[in-house]
Amino acid sequence: MQLELAFPEIAVKPDEPSKGPWEQIDPGAQGAALALLSRLIAQMLVARAAPEGGDE
């Protein structure tokens, strides 16, 4: 079974430059997304720096 992904069409006024996806998100959600992304990056860096053990 293949599902289709629907994309909403956003009307753009001719005199207004188009905004990218990031600018369409409200500032509160932008801050939350940046906080989450920074935590994920920090966790990946800590996991990479942790010594591996067991299989050697």
N, C-alpha and C. Protein backbone atom coordinates (compact mmCIF):
# COMPACT_ATOMS: atom_id res chain seq x y z
N MET A 1 0.85 -1.17 0.00
CA MET A 1 0.00 0.00 0.00
C MET A 1 0.89 1.23 0.00
N GLN A 2 0.61 2.17 -0.87
CA GLN A 2 1.37 3.40 -0.93
C GLN A 2 0.45 4.56 -0.57
N LEU A 3 0.90 5.34 0.39
CA LEU A 3 0.13 6.50 0.83
C LEU A 3 0.65 7.75 0.16
N GLU A 4 -0.21 8.70 -0.08
CA GLU A 4 0.20 9.96 -0.68
C GLU A 4 0.35 11.02 0.40
N LEU A 5 1.37 11.83 0.28
CA LEU A 5 1.61 12.91 1.21
C LEU A 5 1.05 14.20 0.62
N ALA A 6 0.12 14.79 1.32
CA ALA A 6 -0.51 16.02 0.83
C ALA A 6 0.26 17.23 1.34
N PHE A 7 0.55 18.16 0.45
CA PHE A 7 1.22 19.39 0.82
C PHE A 7 0.21 20.53 0.72
N PRO A 8 0.05 21.28 1.81
CA PRO A 8 -0.89 22.40 1.74
C PRO A 8 -0.33 23.51 0.85
N GLU A 9 -1.20 24.12 0.11
CA GLU A 9 -0.76 25.21 -0.75
C GLU A 9 -0.88 26.52 0.02
N ILE A 10 0.18 27.27 0.02
CA ILE A 10 0.22 28.53 0.75
C ILE A 10 0.17 29.66 -0.28
N ALA A 11 -0.83 30.52 -0.14
CA ALA A 11 -0.98 31.63 -1.07
C ALA A 11 0.08 32.69 -0.76
N VAL A 12 0.77 33.14 -1.79
CA VAL A 12 1.80 34.16 -1.65
C VAL A 12 1.33 35.41 -2.38
N LYS A 13 1.38 36.52 -1.68
CA LYS A 13 1.01 37.78 -2.31
C LYS A 13 2.12 38.19 -3.27
N PRO A 14 1.77 38.72 -4.44
CA PRO A 14 2.80 39.08 -5.42
C PRO A 14 3.79 40.13 -4.92
N ASP A 15 3.36 41.07 -4.08
CA ASP A 15 4.26 42.12 -3.61
C ASP A 15 5.07 41.69 -2.39
N GLU A 16 4.78 40.52 -1.86
CA GLU A 16 5.46 40.05 -0.65
C GLU A 16 6.43 38.91 -1.03
N PRO A 17 7.70 39.02 -0.63
CA PRO A 17 8.63 37.94 -0.96
C PRO A 17 8.23 36.65 -0.23
N SER A 18 8.48 35.54 -0.88
CA SER A 18 8.08 34.27 -0.26
C SER A 18 8.98 33.97 0.93
N LYS A 19 8.39 33.37 1.94
CA LYS A 19 9.12 32.99 3.14
C LYS A 19 9.50 31.53 3.04
N GLY A 20 10.62 31.19 3.62
CA GLY A 20 11.02 29.80 3.69
C GLY A 20 10.28 29.11 4.82
N PRO A 21 10.42 27.80 4.92
CA PRO A 21 9.70 27.06 5.96
C PRO A 21 10.03 27.54 7.37
N TRP A 22 11.29 27.92 7.61
CA TRP A 22 11.68 28.34 8.96
C TRP A 22 10.96 29.62 9.36
N GLU A 23 10.80 30.55 8.44
CA GLU A 23 10.14 31.81 8.76
C GLU A 23 8.64 31.65 8.94
N GLN A 24 8.07 30.55 8.47
CA GLN A 24 6.64 30.32 8.62
C GLN A 24 6.29 29.77 10.00
N ILE A 25 7.28 29.34 10.76
CA ILE A 25 7.06 28.80 12.10
C ILE A 25 7.08 29.95 13.09
N ASP A 26 6.18 29.92 14.07
CA ASP A 26 6.14 31.02 15.04
C ASP A 26 7.41 31.00 15.90
N PRO A 27 7.83 32.15 16.44
CA PRO A 27 9.09 32.25 17.18
C PRO A 27 9.19 31.31 18.38
N GLY A 28 8.10 31.03 19.07
CA GLY A 28 8.13 30.10 20.19
C GLY A 28 8.50 28.70 19.74
N ALA A 29 7.92 28.27 18.63
CA ALA A 29 8.22 26.94 18.10
C ALA A 29 9.65 26.90 17.56
N GLN A 30 10.14 28.00 17.01
CA GLN A 30 11.52 28.05 16.54
C GLN A 30 12.48 27.84 17.72
N GLY A 31 12.21 28.51 18.82
CA GLY A 31 13.06 28.37 20.00
C GLY A 31 13.05 26.95 20.54
N ALA A 32 11.86 26.33 20.57
CA ALA A 32 11.75 24.95 21.04
C ALA A 32 12.50 24.00 20.11
N ALA A 33 12.40 24.23 18.82
CA ALA A 33 13.10 23.38 17.85
C ALA A 33 14.62 23.52 18.00
N LEU A 34 15.11 24.73 18.20
CA LEU A 34 16.54 24.94 18.39
C LEU A 34 17.04 24.30 19.67
N ALA A 35 16.25 24.37 20.74
CA ALA A 35 16.63 23.75 22.01
C ALA A 35 16.71 22.23 21.85
N LEU A 36 15.72 21.65 21.19
CA LEU A 36 15.72 20.21 20.97
C LEU A 36 16.90 19.78 20.11
N LEU A 37 17.15 20.51 19.04
CA LEU A 37 18.26 20.19 18.15
C LEU A 37 19.60 20.29 18.88
N SER A 38 19.77 21.30 19.71
CA SER A 38 21.03 21.45 20.44
C SER A 38 21.23 20.31 21.44
N ARG A 39 20.13 19.86 22.10
CA ARG A 39 20.24 18.72 23.01
C ARG A 39 20.61 17.44 22.27
N LEU A 40 20.01 17.23 21.10
CA LEU A 40 20.34 16.03 20.31
C LEU A 40 21.80 16.04 19.86
N ILE A 41 22.29 17.18 19.42
CA ILE A 41 23.69 17.29 19.00
C ILE A 41 24.61 17.03 20.18
N ALA A 42 24.30 17.59 21.34
CA ALA A 42 25.13 17.38 22.53
C ALA A 42 25.15 15.90 22.92
N GLN A 43 24.01 15.23 22.86
CA GLN A 43 23.96 13.81 23.19
C GLN A 43 24.79 12.98 22.22
N MET A 44 24.75 13.33 20.93
CA MET A 44 25.55 12.60 19.94
C MET A 44 27.03 12.80 20.19
N LEU A 45 27.42 14.02 20.54
CA LEU A 45 28.84 14.29 20.80
C LEU A 45 29.32 13.56 22.04
N VAL A 46 28.50 13.50 23.08
CA VAL A 46 28.87 12.77 24.29
C VAL A 46 28.99 11.28 24.00
N ALA A 47 28.05 10.75 23.22
CA ALA A 47 28.09 9.32 22.88
C ALA A 47 29.32 9.00 22.04
N ARG A 48 29.70 9.90 21.16
CA ARG A 48 30.88 9.67 20.32
C ARG A 48 32.15 9.71 21.15
N ALA A 49 32.20 10.58 22.16
CA ALA A 49 33.40 10.72 22.99
C ALA A 49 33.52 9.62 24.04
N ALA A 50 32.42 8.94 24.35
CA ALA A 50 32.45 7.89 25.36
C ALA A 50 33.28 6.71 24.85
N PRO A 51 34.12 6.14 25.73
CA PRO A 51 34.93 5.00 25.29
C PRO A 51 34.06 3.79 25.00
N GLU A 52 34.38 3.12 23.91
CA GLU A 52 33.66 1.92 23.57
C GLU A 52 34.22 0.76 24.38
N GLY A 53 33.39 -0.17 24.69
CA GLY A 53 33.88 -1.29 25.47
C GLY A 53 33.20 -2.58 25.11
N GLY A 54 33.82 -3.67 25.53
CA GLY A 54 33.16 -4.96 25.39
C GLY A 54 33.66 -5.84 24.26
N ASP A 55 33.64 -5.39 23.05
CA ASP A 55 33.92 -6.27 21.91
C ASP A 55 35.40 -6.47 21.61
N GLU A 56 36.27 -5.81 22.27
CA GLU A 56 37.69 -5.92 21.91
C GLU A 56 38.40 -6.98 22.68
